[in-house]
Amino acid sequence: MYGDYELAAIHLSSDVPNLSEAKVAIDAMSGIVASLVGRLGENEK
């Protein structure tokens, strides 16, 4: 997941931010986080 974060940061920090490529990485992180619902126990709050 950290790799997705770094990839999004790379795309967003370029001289001309590449929003469409950053969105792919951000959507991947969103999918990972969504799949954790109900699996974190008391730490989910």
N, C-alpha and C. Protein backbone atom coordinates (compact mmCIF):
# COMPACT_ATOMS: atom_id res chain seq x y z
N MET A 1 0.83 -1.18 0.00
CA MET A 1 0.00 0.00 0.00
C MET A 1 0.88 1.25 0.00
N TYR A 2 2.00 1.19 0.69
CA TYR A 2 2.87 2.35 0.71
C TYR A 2 3.40 2.66 -0.69
N GLY A 3 3.60 1.63 -1.48
CA GLY A 3 4.03 1.82 -2.86
C GLY A 3 3.00 2.59 -3.66
N ASP A 4 1.72 2.32 -3.41
CA ASP A 4 0.66 3.07 -4.10
C ASP A 4 0.71 4.54 -3.70
N TYR A 5 0.95 4.79 -2.41
CA TYR A 5 1.07 6.16 -1.91
C TYR A 5 2.22 6.88 -2.60
N GLU A 6 3.36 6.21 -2.67
CA GLU A 6 4.54 6.81 -3.32
C GLU A 6 4.28 7.06 -4.80
N LEU A 7 3.63 6.12 -5.46
CA LEU A 7 3.34 6.28 -6.88
C LEU A 7 2.43 7.48 -7.11
N ALA A 8 1.40 7.63 -6.29
CA ALA A 8 0.52 8.79 -6.41
C ALA A 8 1.30 10.08 -6.17
N ALA A 9 2.17 10.08 -5.17
CA ALA A 9 2.97 11.27 -4.87
C ALA A 9 3.88 11.63 -6.03
N ILE A 10 4.48 10.64 -6.66
CA ILE A 10 5.35 10.90 -7.81
C ILE A 10 4.55 11.57 -8.93
N HIS A 11 3.38 11.03 -9.22
CA HIS A 11 2.56 11.59 -10.30
C HIS A 11 2.06 12.99 -9.97
N LEU A 12 1.79 13.25 -8.69
CA LEU A 12 1.27 14.56 -8.31
C LEU A 12 2.35 15.61 -8.12
N SER A 13 3.59 15.19 -7.91
CA SER A 13 4.65 16.17 -7.63
C SER A 13 5.46 16.57 -8.86
N SER A 14 5.12 16.04 -10.01
CA SER A 14 5.85 16.43 -11.21
C SER A 14 5.49 17.86 -11.60
N ASP A 15 6.29 18.46 -12.47
CA ASP A 15 6.04 19.85 -12.89
C ASP A 15 4.63 20.02 -13.43
N VAL A 16 4.19 19.06 -14.19
CA VAL A 16 2.80 19.03 -14.67
C VAL A 16 2.17 17.78 -14.05
N PRO A 17 1.40 17.94 -12.97
CA PRO A 17 0.84 16.78 -12.28
C PRO A 17 0.01 15.90 -13.23
N ASN A 18 0.22 14.61 -13.15
CA ASN A 18 -0.51 13.66 -13.97
C ASN A 18 -1.65 13.10 -13.13
N LEU A 19 -2.78 13.80 -13.14
CA LEU A 19 -3.89 13.46 -12.27
C LEU A 19 -4.51 12.11 -12.59
N SER A 20 -4.58 11.76 -13.86
CA SER A 20 -5.22 10.48 -14.21
C SER A 20 -4.41 9.30 -13.71
N GLU A 21 -3.09 9.37 -13.78
CA GLU A 21 -2.25 8.28 -13.27
C GLU A 21 -2.26 8.26 -11.74
N ALA A 22 -2.27 9.42 -11.12
CA ALA A 22 -2.35 9.47 -9.66
C ALA A 22 -3.66 8.88 -9.18
N LYS A 23 -4.73 9.13 -9.93
CA LYS A 23 -6.05 8.60 -9.56
C LYS A 23 -6.04 7.08 -9.53
N VAL A 24 -5.32 6.45 -10.44
CA VAL A 24 -5.24 4.99 -10.45
C VAL A 24 -4.63 4.49 -9.14
N ALA A 25 -3.54 5.11 -8.71
CA ALA A 25 -2.88 4.71 -7.47
C ALA A 25 -3.77 4.99 -6.26
N ILE A 26 -4.45 6.12 -6.27
CA ILE A 26 -5.33 6.48 -5.16
C ILE A 26 -6.52 5.52 -5.10
N ASP A 27 -7.07 5.17 -6.25
CA ASP A 27 -8.18 4.21 -6.29
C ASP A 27 -7.73 2.84 -5.78
N ALA A 28 -6.50 2.46 -6.07
CA ALA A 28 -5.98 1.18 -5.56
C ALA A 28 -5.90 1.21 -4.04
N MET A 29 -5.44 2.32 -3.47
CA MET A 29 -5.39 2.45 -2.01
C MET A 29 -6.80 2.40 -1.43
N SER A 30 -7.73 3.04 -2.10
CA SER A 30 -9.12 3.04 -1.63
C SER A 30 -9.68 1.63 -1.59
N GLY A 31 -9.38 0.84 -2.60
CA GLY A 31 -9.84 -0.54 -2.63
C GLY A 31 -9.26 -1.37 -1.50
N ILE A 32 -7.99 -1.15 -1.20
CA ILE A 32 -7.35 -1.88 -0.10
C ILE A 32 -8.00 -1.51 1.23
N VAL A 33 -8.20 -0.22 1.45
CA VAL A 33 -8.80 0.23 2.70
C VAL A 33 -10.23 -0.29 2.82
N ALA A 34 -10.99 -0.26 1.74
CA ALA A 34 -12.37 -0.75 1.77
C ALA A 34 -12.42 -2.24 2.09
N SER A 35 -11.42 -2.99 1.67
CA SER A 35 -11.43 -4.43 1.93
C SER A 35 -11.11 -4.76 3.39
N LEU A 36 -10.65 -3.78 4.15
CA LEU A 36 -10.32 -4.00 5.56
C LEU A 36 -11.51 -3.83 6.50
N VAL A 37 -12.63 -3.33 5.99
CA VAL A 37 -13.80 -3.10 6.84
C VAL A 37 -14.22 -4.41 7.50
N GLY A 38 -14.34 -4.37 8.80
CA GLY A 38 -14.75 -5.54 9.57
C GLY A 38 -13.61 -6.46 9.97
N ARG A 39 -12.40 -6.15 9.57
CA ARG A 39 -11.25 -7.02 9.86
C ARG A 39 -10.31 -6.45 10.91
N LEU A 40 -10.54 -5.23 11.34
CA LEU A 40 -9.60 -4.58 12.25
C LEU A 40 -10.01 -4.63 13.71
N GLY A 41 -11.15 -5.23 13.99
CA GLY A 41 -11.60 -5.35 15.38
C GLY A 41 -11.79 -4.00 16.03
N GLU A 42 -11.35 -3.88 17.29
CA GLU A 42 -11.54 -2.64 18.03
C GLU A 42 -10.72 -1.48 17.45
N ASN A 43 -9.71 -1.76 16.66
CA ASN A 43 -8.89 -0.71 16.05
C ASN A 43 -9.57 -0.04 14.87
N GLU A 44 -10.71 -0.56 14.47
CA GLU A 44 -11.40 -0.02 13.30
C GLU A 44 -12.05 1.33 13.58
N LYS A 45 -12.29 1.64 14.83
CA LYS A 45 -12.99 2.89 15.18
C LYS A 45 -12.16 4.09 14.95
